[in-house]
Amino acid sequence: MAKFKFKKGDTVEIIAGDDRGTKATVLAVLPKKNKVIVEGCKIAKKAIKPTEDNTKGGHANKEMPIDVSNVRKVEA
């Protein structure tokens, strides 16, 4: 398991991919997968099945993990 230089709440900049140049905060760090989840970046639509609590199904937008090599820490 590699040591990360990112923590939850840090401000980072996306340096590769569709969201290149975007600055946002880290929502979660996944050290075993070598990935981070960044707020508002790499959004995917996920289908939600109807349940007892959620009587209507539909789609929800969810942030997906980004590899650590595609992220750079920004000084606040």
Protein backbone atom coordinates (compact mmCIF):
# COMPACT_ATOMS: atom_id res chain seq x y z
CA MET A 1 0.00 0.00 0.00
CA ALA A 2 1.53 3.30 -1.11
CA LYS A 3 1.71 6.41 1.05
CA PHE A 4 -0.60 9.14 -0.21
CA LYS A 5 0.03 12.86 -0.21
CA PHE A 6 -3.72 13.55 -0.37
CA LYS A 7 -6.23 13.75 2.47
CA LYS A 8 -9.98 14.20 2.55
CA GLY A 9 -10.76 17.90 2.16
CA ASP A 10 -7.58 18.84 0.24
CA THR A 11 -7.86 21.05 -2.85
CA VAL A 12 -6.59 19.34 -5.99
CA GLU A 13 -6.38 20.03 -9.72
CA ILE A 14 -7.19 17.41 -12.36
CA ILE A 15 -4.23 17.20 -14.77
CA ALA A 16 -5.51 14.53 -17.19
CA GLY A 17 -8.81 13.39 -18.65
CA ASP A 18 -12.08 15.10 -19.56
CA ASP A 19 -12.07 17.31 -16.45
CA ARG A 20 -8.52 18.61 -17.01
CA GLY A 21 -7.88 21.96 -15.31
CA THR A 22 -10.72 21.59 -12.80
CA LYS A 23 -9.93 22.50 -9.20
CA ALA A 24 -12.04 20.81 -6.51
CA THR A 25 -11.88 19.13 -3.10
CA VAL A 26 -11.17 15.48 -2.32
CA LEU A 27 -14.23 13.63 -1.01
CA ALA A 28 -12.56 10.26 -0.31
CA VAL A 29 -9.19 8.54 -0.60
CA LEU A 30 -8.95 4.88 -1.69
CA PRO A 31 -5.35 3.84 -0.90
CA LYS A 32 -5.78 0.13 -1.77
CA LYS A 33 -6.99 1.03 -5.28
CA ASN A 34 -4.56 3.99 -5.61
CA LYS A 35 -7.48 6.34 -6.41
CA VAL A 36 -9.27 9.41 -5.05
CA ILE A 37 -12.83 10.68 -5.44
CA VAL A 38 -12.98 14.38 -6.33
CA GLU A 39 -16.09 16.52 -5.93
CA GLY A 40 -17.88 17.22 -9.22
CA CYS A 41 -15.38 15.38 -11.44
CA LYS A 42 -15.79 12.19 -13.48
CA ILE A 43 -19.56 12.06 -12.98
CA ALA A 44 -21.44 8.93 -14.09
CA LYS A 45 -25.17 8.29 -14.23
CA LYS A 46 -26.20 5.35 -12.05
CA ALA A 47 -29.57 3.62 -12.27
CA ILE A 48 -31.53 3.38 -9.01
CA LYS A 49 -34.12 0.67 -8.52
CA PRO A 50 -37.36 1.51 -6.71
CA THR A 51 -37.38 0.36 -3.07
CA GLU A 52 -39.73 0.72 -0.11
CA ASP A 53 -38.01 3.94 0.97
CA ASN A 54 -37.48 5.27 -2.55
CA THR A 55 -40.78 4.53 -4.30
CA LYS A 56 -39.54 5.98 -7.60
CA GLY A 57 -36.48 4.73 -9.34
CA GLY A 58 -34.50 6.75 -11.83
CA HIS A 59 -30.96 7.95 -12.33
CA ALA A 60 -28.50 9.63 -9.99
CA ASN A 61 -25.22 11.36 -10.72
CA LYS A 62 -22.27 9.88 -8.83
CA GLU A 63 -18.58 10.81 -8.68
CA MET A 64 -16.30 7.97 -9.75
CA PRO A 65 -12.72 7.36 -8.57
CA ILE A 66 -9.79 9.01 -10.39
CA ASP A 67 -6.27 7.59 -10.42
CA VAL A 68 -3.80 9.44 -8.19
CA SER A 69 -1.44 10.05 -11.12
CA ASN A 70 -4.09 12.27 -12.76
CA VAL A 71 -4.38 14.60 -9.76
CA ARG A 72 -2.08 17.34 -8.43
CA LYS A 73 -2.33 18.99 -5.01
CA VAL A 74 -2.98 22.75 -5.11
CA GLU A 75 -1.84 25.09 -2.35
CA ALA A 76 -4.81 26.99 -0.95
